[in-house]
Amino acid sequence: MSSIKSSDNIFSIWNRIGQITPFAVRKTTWSNNEIYVIVQRIEPNGNYGEAFGYVTENGVVNEYFDYNDVWRNTKKIPNAGIGRWEYVEGVSLEVRK
């Protein structure tokens, strides 16, 4: 989607795509383009809130966020409200474990 800037946060992307889930995003700073996050649920709170989902490599659950206790226990995506996220089109939104 051309209207989604590479410096967006997950919540602004979610708003621009019509508040649908699931959808895929990737940090613009990640060097591995095979890794992306499948956002399964958003709990809005004003302009931000909490986003939940799975980091995957080609749709298969990846250990990228395993360092984060909160993500391991709740699947809350770290740093969802900061910029540098980009919308990822054309990937599977099915989480495979």
PDB file of N, CA and C in Angstrom:
ATOM      1  N   MET A   1       0.851  -1.179   0.000  1.00  0.00           N
ATOM      2  CA  MET A   1       0.000   0.000   0.000  1.00  0.00           C
ATOM      3  C   MET A   1       0.890   1.233   0.000  1.00  0.00           C
ATOM      4  N   SER A   2       0.715   2.065  -0.937  1.00  0.00           N
ATOM      5  CA  SER A   2       1.578   3.241  -1.039  1.00  0.00           C
ATOM      6  C   SER A   2       1.293   4.279   0.038  1.00  0.00           C
ATOM      7  N   SER A   3       0.121   4.223   0.686  1.00  0.00           N
ATOM      8  CA  SER A   3      -0.199   5.213   1.710  1.00  0.00           C
ATOM      9  C   SER A   3       0.439   4.894   3.057  1.00  0.00           C
ATOM     10  N   ILE A   4       1.087   3.753   3.162  1.00  0.00           N
ATOM     11  CA  ILE A   4       1.693   3.371   4.422  1.00  0.00           C
ATOM     12  C   ILE A   4       3.178   3.664   4.367  1.00  0.00           C
ATOM     13  N   LYS A   5       3.616   4.540   5.245  1.00  0.00           N
ATOM     14  CA  LYS A   5       5.008   4.976   5.273  1.00  0.00           C
ATOM     15  C   LYS A   5       5.850   3.987   6.057  1.00  0.00           C
ATOM     16  N   SER A   6       7.121   3.910   5.725  1.00  0.00           N
ATOM     17  CA  SER A   6       8.000   2.973   6.400  1.00  0.00           C
ATOM     18  C   SER A   6       8.301   3.377   7.836  1.00  0.00           C
ATOM     19  N   SER A   7       7.956   4.577   8.228  1.00  0.00           N
ATOM     20  CA  SER A   7       8.242   5.026   9.587  1.00  0.00           C
ATOM     21  C   SER A   7       7.015   4.970  10.490  1.00  0.00           C
ATOM     22  N   ASP A   8       5.997   4.251  10.100  1.00  0.00           N
ATOM     23  CA  ASP A   8       4.772   4.179  10.878  1.00  0.00           C
ATOM     24  C   ASP A   8       4.918   3.252  12.076  1.00  0.00           C
ATOM     25  N   ASN A   9       3.991   3.391  13.027  1.00  0.00           N
ATOM     26  CA  ASN A   9       3.906   2.398  14.095  1.00  0.00           C
ATOM     27  C   ASN A   9       2.789   1.417  13.735  1.00  0.00           C
ATOM     28  N   ILE A  10       2.693   0.342  14.481  1.00  0.00           N
ATOM     29  CA  ILE A  10       1.716  -0.698  14.163  1.00  0.00           C
ATOM     30  C   ILE A  10       0.288  -0.158  14.211  1.00  0.00           C
ATOM     31  N   PHE A  11       0.002   0.751  15.124  1.00  0.00           N
ATOM     32  CA  PHE A  11      -1.368   1.256  15.272  1.00  0.00           C
ATOM     33  C   PHE A  11      -1.777   2.156  14.108  1.00  0.00           C
ATOM     34  N   SER A  12      -0.857   2.976  13.615  1.00  0.00           N
ATOM     35  CA  SER A  12      -1.196   3.813  12.458  1.00  0.00           C
ATOM     36  C   SER A  12      -1.354   2.955  11.205  1.00  0.00           C
ATOM     37  N   ILE A  13      -0.573   1.896  11.086  1.00  0.00           N
ATOM     38  CA  ILE A  13      -0.749   0.970   9.954  1.00  0.00           C
ATOM     39  C   ILE A  13      -2.119   0.308  10.053  1.00  0.00           C
ATOM     40  N   TRP A  14      -2.470  -0.180  11.217  1.00  0.00           N
ATOM     41  CA  TRP A  14      -3.764  -0.830  11.440  1.00  0.00           C
ATOM     42  C   TRP A  14      -4.915   0.117  11.087  1.00  0.00           C
ATOM     43  N   ASN A  15      -4.805   1.388  11.480  1.00  0.00           N
ATOM     44  CA  ASN A  15      -5.840   2.362  11.132  1.00  0.00           C
ATOM     45  C   ASN A  15      -5.912   2.582   9.625  1.00  0.00           C
ATOM     46  N   ARG A  16      -4.780   2.664   8.961  1.00  0.00           N
ATOM     47  CA  ARG A  16      -4.772   2.923   7.513  1.00  0.00           C
ATOM     48  C   ARG A  16      -5.323   1.768   6.690  1.00  0.00           C
ATOM     49  N   ILE A  17      -5.207   0.537   7.207  1.00  0.00           N
ATOM     50  CA  ILE A  17      -5.717  -0.609   6.449  1.00  0.00           C
ATOM     51  C   ILE A  17      -7.152  -0.958   6.847  1.00  0.00           C
ATOM     52  N   GLY A  18      -7.793  -0.077   7.590  1.00  0.00           N
ATOM     53  CA  GLY A  18      -9.205  -0.277   7.921  1.00  0.00           C
ATOM     54  C   GLY A  18      -9.436  -1.075   9.188  1.00  0.00           C
ATOM     55  N   GLN A  19      -8.456  -1.115  10.067  1.00  0.00           N
ATOM     56  CA  GLN A  19      -8.559  -1.793  11.360  1.00  0.00           C
ATOM     57  C   GLN A  19      -8.896  -3.269  11.227  1.00  0.00           C
ATOM     58  N   ILE A  20      -8.298  -3.909  10.232  1.00  0.00           N
ATOM     59  CA  ILE A  20      -8.497  -5.343  10.053  1.00  0.00           C
ATOM     60  C   ILE A  20      -7.327  -6.107  10.672  1.00  0.00           C
ATOM     61  N   THR A  21      -7.607  -7.293  11.123  1.00  0.00           N
ATOM     62  CA  THR A  21      -6.569  -8.228  11.555  1.00  0.00           C
ATOM     63  C   THR A  21      -6.927  -9.588  10.975  1.00  0.00           C
ATOM     64  N   PRO A  22      -5.997 -10.435  10.740  1.00  0.00           N
ATOM     65  CA  PRO A  22      -4.561 -10.252  10.924  1.00  0.00           C
ATOM     66  C   PRO A  22      -3.958  -9.445   9.774  1.00  0.00           C
ATOM     67  N   PHE A  23      -2.744  -8.926  10.035  1.00  0.00           N
ATOM     68  CA  PHE A  23      -1.950  -8.282   9.004  1.00  0.00           C
ATOM     69  C   PHE A  23      -0.478  -8.450   9.368  1.00  0.00           C
ATOM     70  N   ALA A  24       0.380  -8.203   8.408  1.00  0.00           N
ATOM     71  CA  ALA A  24       1.808  -8.432   8.615  1.00  0.00           C
ATOM     72  C   ALA A  24       2.577  -7.118   8.577  1.00  0.00           C
ATOM     73  N   VAL A  25       3.564  -7.015   9.474  1.00  0.00           N
ATOM     74  CA  VAL A  25       4.454  -5.861   9.543  1.00  0.00           C
ATOM     75  C   VAL A  25       5.882  -6.344   9.761  1.00  0.00           C
ATOM     76  N   ARG A  26       6.797  -5.455   9.456  1.00  0.00           N
ATOM     77  CA  ARG A  26       8.221  -5.739   9.652  1.00  0.00           C
ATOM     78  C   ARG A  26       8.899  -4.455  10.088  1.00  0.00           C
ATOM     79  N   LYS A  27       9.889  -4.572  10.966  1.00  0.00           N
ATOM     80  CA  LYS A  27      10.697  -3.406  11.337  1.00  0.00           C
ATOM     81  C   LYS A  27      11.581  -3.055  10.142  1.00  0.00           C
ATOM     82  N   THR A  28      11.657  -1.784   9.829  1.00  0.00           N
ATOM     83  CA  THR A  28      12.486  -1.361   8.691  1.00  0.00           C
ATOM     84  C   THR A  28      13.966  -1.552   8.978  1.00  0.00           C
ATOM     85  N   THR A  29      14.319  -1.771  10.236  1.00  0.00           N
ATOM     86  CA  THR A  29      15.724  -1.963  10.602  1.00  0.00           C
ATOM     87  C   THR A  29      16.156  -3.427  10.530  1.00  0.00           C
ATOM     88  N   TRP A  30      15.221  -4.338  10.297  1.00  0.00           N
ATOM     89  CA  TRP A  30      15.583  -5.755  10.222  1.00  0.00           C
ATOM     90  C   TRP A  30      16.241  -6.043   8.891  1.00  0.00           C
ATOM     91  N   SER A  31      17.379  -6.703   8.926  1.00  0.00           N
ATOM     92  CA  SER A  31      18.104  -7.005   7.690  1.00  0.00           C
ATOM     93  C   SER A  31      17.568  -8.254   6.993  1.00  0.00           C
ATOM     94  N   ASN A  32      16.897  -9.129   7.728  1.00  0.00           N
ATOM     95  CA  ASN A  32      16.345 -10.350   7.152  1.00  0.00           C
ATOM     96  C   ASN A  32      14.911 -10.087   6.713  1.00  0.00           C
ATOM     97  N   ASN A  33      14.678  -9.979   5.417  1.00  0.00           N
ATOM     98  CA  ASN A  33      13.342  -9.682   4.895  1.00  0.00           C
ATOM     99  C   ASN A  33      12.379 -10.861   4.992  1.00  0.00           C
ATOM    100  N   GLU A  34      12.874 -12.009   5.411  1.00  0.00           N
ATOM    101  CA  GLU A  34      12.015 -13.185   5.577  1.00  0.00           C
ATOM    102  C   GLU A  34      11.263 -13.125   6.909  1.00  0.00           C
ATOM    103  N   ILE A  35      11.730 -12.268   7.839  1.00  0.00           N
ATOM    104  CA  ILE A  35      11.108 -12.160   9.154  1.00  0.00           C
ATOM    105  C   ILE A  35      10.038 -11.066   9.117  1.00  0.00           C
ATOM    106  N   TYR A  36       8.865 -11.409   9.608  1.00  0.00           N
ATOM    107  CA  TYR A  36       7.790 -10.427   9.751  1.00  0.00           C
ATOM    108  C   TYR A  36       6.896 -10.849  10.910  1.00  0.00           C
ATOM    109  N   VAL A  37       6.114  -9.918  11.416  1.00  0.00           N
ATOM    110  CA  VAL A  37       5.209 -10.168  12.530  1.00  0.00           C
ATOM    111  C   VAL A  37       3.790 -10.248  11.992  1.00  0.00           C
ATOM    112  N   ILE A  38       3.099 -11.302  12.372  1.00  0.00           N
ATOM    113  CA  ILE A  38       1.679 -11.421  12.054  1.00  0.00           C
ATOM    114  C   ILE A  38       0.916 -10.862  13.250  1.00  0.00           C
ATOM    115  N   VAL A  39       0.317  -9.688  13.050  1.00  0.00           N
ATOM    116  CA  VAL A  39      -0.460  -9.029  14.111  1.00  0.00           C
ATOM    117  C   VAL A  39      -1.846  -9.647  14.093  1.00  0.00           C
ATOM    118  N   GLN A  40      -2.203 -10.283  15.195  1.00  0.00           N
ATOM    119  CA  GLN A  40      -3.485 -10.974  15.268  1.00  0.00           C
ATOM    120  C   GLN A  40      -4.561 -10.195  16.008  1.00  0.00           C
ATOM    121  N   ARG A  41      -4.137  -9.326  16.929  1.00  0.00           N
ATOM    122  CA  ARG A  41      -5.120  -8.600  17.737  1.00  0.00           C
ATOM    123  C   ARG A  41      -4.556  -7.248  18.140  1.00  0.00           C
ATOM    124  N   ILE A  42      -5.415  -6.236  18.096  1.00  0.00           N
ATOM    125  CA  ILE A  42      -5.087  -4.888  18.565  1.00  0.00           C
ATOM    126  C   ILE A  42      -6.077  -4.532  19.672  1.00  0.00           C
ATOM    127  N   GLU A  43      -5.548  -4.013  20.771  1.00  0.00           N
ATOM    128  CA  GLU A  43      -6.385  -3.467  21.833  1.00  0.00           C
ATOM    129  C   GLU A  43      -6.091  -1.970  21.888  1.00  0.00           C
ATOM    130  N   PRO A  44      -6.905  -1.166  21.188  1.00  0.00           N
ATOM    131  CA  PRO A  44      -6.613   0.267  21.091  1.00  0.00           C
ATOM    132  C   PRO A  44      -6.817   0.998  22.420  1.00  0.00           C
ATOM    133  N   ASN A  45      -6.022   2.051  22.590  1.00  0.00           N
ATOM    134  CA  ASN A  45      -6.150   2.949  23.728  1.00  0.00           C
ATOM    135  C   ASN A  45      -5.670   4.309  23.243  1.00  0.00           C
ATOM    136  N   GLY A  46      -6.594   5.142  22.792  1.00  0.00           N
ATOM    137  CA  GLY A  46      -6.221   6.418  22.195  1.00  0.00           C
ATOM    138  C   GLY A  46      -5.520   6.177  20.859  1.00  0.00           C
ATOM    139  N   ASN A  47      -4.381   6.836  20.652  1.00  0.00           N
ATOM    140  CA  ASN A  47      -3.641   6.666  19.398  1.00  0.00           C
ATOM    141  C   ASN A  47      -2.796   5.401  19.376  1.00  0.00           C
ATOM    142  N   TYR A  48      -2.650   4.753  20.512  1.00  0.00           N
ATOM    143  CA  TYR A  48      -1.784   3.580  20.609  1.00  0.00           C
ATOM    144  C   TYR A  48      -2.561   2.413  21.182  1.00  0.00           C
ATOM    145  N   GLY A  49      -2.025   1.727  22.150  1.00  0.00           N
ATOM    146  CA  GLY A  49      -2.676   0.581  22.753  1.00  0.00           C
ATOM    147  C   GLY A  49      -1.705  -0.569  22.854  1.00  0.00           C
ATOM    148  N   GLU A  50      -2.205  -1.767  22.635  1.00  0.00           N
ATOM    149  CA  GLU A  50      -1.368  -2.954  22.665  1.00  0.00           C
ATOM    150  C   GLU A  50      -1.652  -3.781  21.423  1.00  0.00           C
ATOM    151  N   ALA A  51      -0.599  -4.362  20.879  1.00  0.00           N
ATOM    152  CA  ALA A  51      -0.711  -5.222  19.701  1.00  0.00           C
ATOM    153  C   ALA A  51      -0.166  -6.596  20.071  1.00  0.00           C
ATOM    154  N   PHE A  52      -0.826  -7.629  19.585  1.00  0.00           N
ATOM    155  CA  PHE A  52      -0.448  -8.993  19.920  1.00  0.00           C
ATOM    156  C   PHE A  52      -0.285  -9.808  18.641  1.00  0.00           C
ATOM    157  N   GLY A  53       0.696 -10.687  18.639  1.00  0.00           N
ATOM    158  CA  GLY A  53       0.898 -11.537  17.480  1.00  0.00           C
ATOM    159  C   GLY A  53       2.178 -12.334  17.586  1.00  0.00           C
ATOM    160  N   TYR A  54       2.600 -12.847  16.448  1.00  0.00           N
ATOM    161  CA  TYR A  54       3.744 -13.745  16.378  1.00  0.00           C
ATOM    162  C   TYR A  54       4.777 -13.238  15.392  1.00  0.00           C
ATOM    163  N   VAL A  55       6.031 -13.271  15.804  1.00  0.00           N
ATOM    164  CA  VAL A  55       7.104 -13.008  14.863  1.00  0.00           C
ATOM    165  C   VAL A  55       7.374 -14.321  14.130  1.00  0.00           C
ATOM    166  N   THR A  56       7.504 -14.226  12.817  1.00  0.00           N
ATOM    167  CA  THR A  56       7.661 -15.433  12.005  1.00  0.00           C
ATOM    168  C   THR A  56       8.788 -15.254  10.991  1.00  0.00           C
ATOM    169  N   GLU A  57       9.259 -16.358  10.510  1.00  0.00           N
ATOM    170  CA  GLU A  57      10.151 -16.361   9.360  1.00  0.00           C
ATOM    171  C   GLU A  57       9.421 -17.144   8.285  1.00  0.00           C
ATOM    172  N   ASN A  58       8.987 -16.434   7.255  1.00  0.00           N
ATOM    173  CA  ASN A  58       8.150 -17.020   6.207  1.00  0.00           C
ATOM    174  C   ASN A  58       6.904 -17.698   6.772  1.00  0.00           C
ATOM    175  N   GLY A  59       6.312 -17.103   7.813  1.00  0.00           N
ATOM    176  CA  GLY A  59       5.076 -17.614   8.388  1.00  0.00           C
ATOM    177  C   GLY A  59       5.252 -18.655   9.476  1.00  0.00           C
ATOM    178  N   VAL A  60       6.472 -19.141   9.688  1.00  0.00           N
ATOM    179  CA  VAL A  60       6.736 -20.123  10.730  1.00  0.00           C
ATOM    180  C   VAL A  60       7.228 -19.375  11.971  1.00  0.00           C
ATOM    181  N   VAL A  61       6.628 -19.661  13.115  1.00  0.00           N
ATOM    182  CA  VAL A  61       6.984 -18.960  14.343  1.00  0.00           C
ATOM    183  C   VAL A  61       8.495 -19.001  14.548  1.00  0.00           C
ATOM    184  N   ASN A  62       9.028 -17.841  14.876  1.00  0.00           N
ATOM    185  CA  ASN A  62      10.461 -17.634  15.021  1.00  0.00           C
ATOM    186  C   ASN A  62      10.758 -17.271  16.475  1.00  0.00           C
ATOM    187  N   GLU A  63      11.961 -17.433  16.919  1.00  0.00           N
ATOM    188  CA  GLU A  63      12.348 -17.125  18.297  1.00  0.00           C
ATOM    189  C   GLU A  63      12.847 -15.689  18.459  1.00  0.00           C
ATOM    190  N   TYR A  64      12.642 -14.835  17.486  1.00  0.00           N
ATOM    191  CA  TYR A  64      13.207 -13.482  17.492  1.00  0.00           C
ATOM    192  C   TYR A  64      12.865 -12.687  18.750  1.00  0.00           C
ATOM    193  N   PHE A  65      11.634 -12.807  19.263  1.00  0.00           N
ATOM    194  CA  PHE A  65      11.221 -12.059  20.449  1.00  0.00           C
ATOM    195  C   PHE A  65      11.363 -12.859  21.743  1.00  0.00           C
ATOM    196  N   ASP A  66      11.983 -14.023  21.708  1.00  0.00           N
ATOM    197  CA  ASP A  66      12.086 -14.861  22.906  1.00  0.00           C
ATOM    198  C   ASP A  66      12.820 -14.186  24.061  1.00  0.00           C
ATOM    199  N   TYR A  67      13.621 -13.177  23.782  1.00  0.00           N
ATOM    200  CA  TYR A  67      14.325 -12.449  24.841  1.00  0.00           C
ATOM    201  C   TYR A  67      13.343 -11.681  25.725  1.00  0.00           C
ATOM    202  N   ASN A  68      12.141 -11.430  25.235  1.00  0.00           N
ATOM    203  CA  ASN A  68      11.176 -10.560  25.896  1.00  0.00           C
ATOM    204  C   ASN A  68      10.168 -11.406  26.687  1.00  0.00           C
ATOM    205  N   ASP A  69      10.259 -11.334  28.034  1.00  0.00           N
ATOM    206  CA  ASP A  69       9.366 -12.125  28.889  1.00  0.00           C
ATOM    207  C   ASP A  69       7.892 -11.829  28.632  1.00  0.00           C
ATOM    208  N   VAL A  70       7.558 -10.564  28.417  1.00  0.00           N
ATOM    209  CA  VAL A  70       6.156 -10.194  28.188  1.00  0.00           C
ATOM    210  C   VAL A  70       5.651 -10.854  26.912  1.00  0.00           C
ATOM    211  N   TRP A  71       6.439 -10.796  25.841  1.00  0.00           N
ATOM    212  CA  TRP A  71       6.000 -11.430  24.598  1.00  0.00           C
ATOM    213  C   TRP A  71       5.857 -12.942  24.783  1.00  0.00           C
ATOM    214  N   ARG A  72       6.813 -13.559  25.438  1.00  0.00           N
ATOM    215  CA  ARG A  72       6.740 -15.013  25.630  1.00  0.00           C
ATOM    216  C   ARG A  72       5.478 -15.418  26.380  1.00  0.00           C
ATOM    217  N   ASN A  73       5.050 -14.589  27.347  1.00  0.00           N
ATOM    218  CA  ASN A  73       3.896 -14.940  28.171  1.00  0.00           C
ATOM    219  C   ASN A  73       2.559 -14.470  27.623  1.00  0.00           C
ATOM    220  N   THR A  74       2.548 -13.370  26.848  1.00  0.00           N
ATOM    221  CA  THR A  74       1.267 -12.798  26.416  1.00  0.00           C
ATOM    222  C   THR A  74       1.149 -12.605  24.908  1.00  0.00           C
ATOM    223  N   LYS A  75       2.269 -12.676  24.190  1.00  0.00           N
ATOM    224  CA  LYS A  75       2.358 -12.396  22.742  1.00  0.00           C
ATOM    225  C   LYS A  75       2.151 -10.918  22.425  1.00  0.00           C
ATOM    226  N   LYS A  76       2.350 -10.027  23.446  1.00  0.00           N
ATOM    227  CA  LYS A  76       2.308  -8.583  23.225  1.00  0.00           C
ATOM    228  C   LYS A  76       3.572  -8.178  22.467  1.00  0.00           C
ATOM    229  N   ILE A  77       3.401  -7.523  21.350  1.00  0.00           N
ATOM    230  CA  ILE A  77       4.508  -7.169  20.458  1.00  0.00           C
ATOM    231  C   ILE A  77       5.306  -6.012  21.057  1.00  0.00           C
ATOM    232  N   PRO A  78       6.615  -6.201  21.244  1.00  0.00           N
ATOM    233  CA  PRO A  78       7.437  -5.117  21.796  1.00  0.00           C
ATOM    234  C   PRO A  78       7.540  -3.939  20.829  1.00  0.00           C
ATOM    235  N   ASN A  79       7.527  -2.738  21.368  1.00  0.00           N
ATOM    236  CA  ASN A  79       7.742  -1.506  20.607  1.00  0.00           C
ATOM    237  C   ASN A  79       6.724  -1.274  19.491  1.00  0.00           C
ATOM    238  N   ALA A  80       5.498  -1.725  19.689  1.00  0.00           N
ATOM    239  CA  ALA A  80       4.470  -1.569  18.655  1.00  0.00           C
ATOM    240  C   ALA A  80       4.121  -0.111  18.400  1.00  0.00           C
ATOM    241  N   GLY A  81       4.292   0.742  19.411  1.00  0.00           N
ATOM    242  CA  GLY A  81       3.890   2.139  19.282  1.00  0.00           C
ATOM    243  C   GLY A  81       4.964   3.061  18.730  1.00  0.00           C
ATOM    244  N   ILE A  82       6.154   2.539  18.494  1.00  0.00           N
ATOM    245  CA  ILE A  82       7.198   3.388  17.920  1.00  0.00           C
ATOM    246  C   ILE A  82       7.216   3.232  16.408  1.00  0.00           C
ATOM    247  N   GLY A  83       7.836   4.175  15.727  1.00  0.00           N
ATOM    248  CA  GLY A  83       7.922   4.129  14.266  1.00  0.00           C
ATOM    249  C   GLY A  83       8.847   3.026  13.786  1.00  0.00           C
ATOM    250  N   ARG A  84       9.124   3.068  12.506  1.00  0.00           N
ATOM    251  CA  ARG A  84      10.012   2.109  11.842  1.00  0.00           C
ATOM    252  C   ARG A  84       9.384   0.747  11.588  1.00  0.00           C
ATOM    253  N   TRP A  85       8.073   0.689  11.536  1.00  0.00           N
ATOM    254  CA  TRP A  85       7.379  -0.514  11.103  1.00  0.00           C
ATOM    255  C   TRP A  85       6.879  -0.263   9.686  1.00  0.00           C
ATOM    256  N   GLU A  86       6.820  -1.311   8.900  1.00  0.00           N
ATOM    257  CA  GLU A  86       6.262  -1.210   7.548  1.00  0.00           C
ATOM    258  C   GLU A  86       5.265  -2.336   7.331  1.00  0.00           C
ATOM    259  N   TYR A  87       4.269  -2.043   6.552  1.00  0.00           N
ATOM    260  CA  TYR A  87       3.241  -3.015   6.188  1.00  0.00           C
ATOM    261  C   TYR A  87       3.836  -3.996   5.185  1.00  0.00           C
ATOM    262  N   VAL A  88       3.537  -5.277   5.365  1.00  0.00           N
ATOM    263  CA  VAL A  88       4.053  -6.311   4.472  1.00  0.00           C
ATOM    264  C   VAL A  88       2.867  -6.940   3.744  1.00  0.00           C
ATOM    265  N   GLU A  89       2.895  -6.849   2.433  1.00  0.00           N
ATOM    266  CA  GLU A  89       1.828  -7.422   1.616  1.00  0.00           C
ATOM    267  C   GLU A  89       2.289  -8.727   0.990  1.00  0.00           C
ATOM    268  N   GLY A  90       1.327  -9.564   0.629  1.00  0.00           N
ATOM    269  CA  GLY A  90       1.619 -10.746  -0.158  1.00  0.00           C
ATOM    270  C   GLY A  90       2.268 -11.894   0.596  1.00  0.00           C
ATOM    271  N   VAL A  91       2.126 -11.919   1.932  1.00  0.00           N
ATOM    272  CA  VAL A  91       2.671 -13.023   2.717  1.00  0.00           C
ATOM    273  C   VAL A  91       1.522 -13.767   3.379  1.00  0.00           C
ATOM    274  N   SER A  92       1.800 -14.999   3.766  1.00  0.00           N
ATOM    275  CA  SER A  92       0.789 -15.796   4.461  1.00  0.00           C
ATOM    276  C   SER A  92       0.531 -15.202   5.839  1.00  0.00           C
ATOM    277  N   LEU A  93      -0.723 -15.108   6.213  1.00  0.00           N
ATOM    278  CA  LEU A  93      -1.107 -14.611   7.537  1.00  0.00           C
ATOM    279  C   LEU A  93      -1.466 -15.760   8.468  1.00  0.00           C
ATOM    280  N   GLU A  94      -1.201 -16.962   8.033  1.00  0.00           N
ATOM    281  CA  GLU A  94      -1.426 -18.141   8.856  1.00  0.00           C
ATOM    282  C   GLU A  94      -0.170 -18.383   9.691  1.00  0.00           C
ATOM    283  N   VAL A  95      -0.330 -18.517  10.992  1.00  0.00           N
ATOM    284  CA  VAL A  95       0.793 -18.784  11.882  1.00  0.00           C
ATOM    285  C   VAL A  95       1.047 -20.278  11.895  1.00  0.00           C
ATOM    286  N   ARG A  96       2.245 -20.653  11.496  1.00  0.00           N
ATOM    287  CA  ARG A  96       2.631 -22.067  11.513  1.00  0.00           C
ATOM    288  C   ARG A  96       3.687 -22.263  12.596  1.00  0.00           C
ATOM    289  N   LYS A  97       3.502 -23.254  13.428  1.00  0.00           N
ATOM    290  CA  LYS A  97       4.435 -23.494  14.530  1.00  0.00           C
ATOM    291  C   LYS A  97       5.325 -24.686  14.237  1.00  0.00           C
TER     292      LYS A  97
END
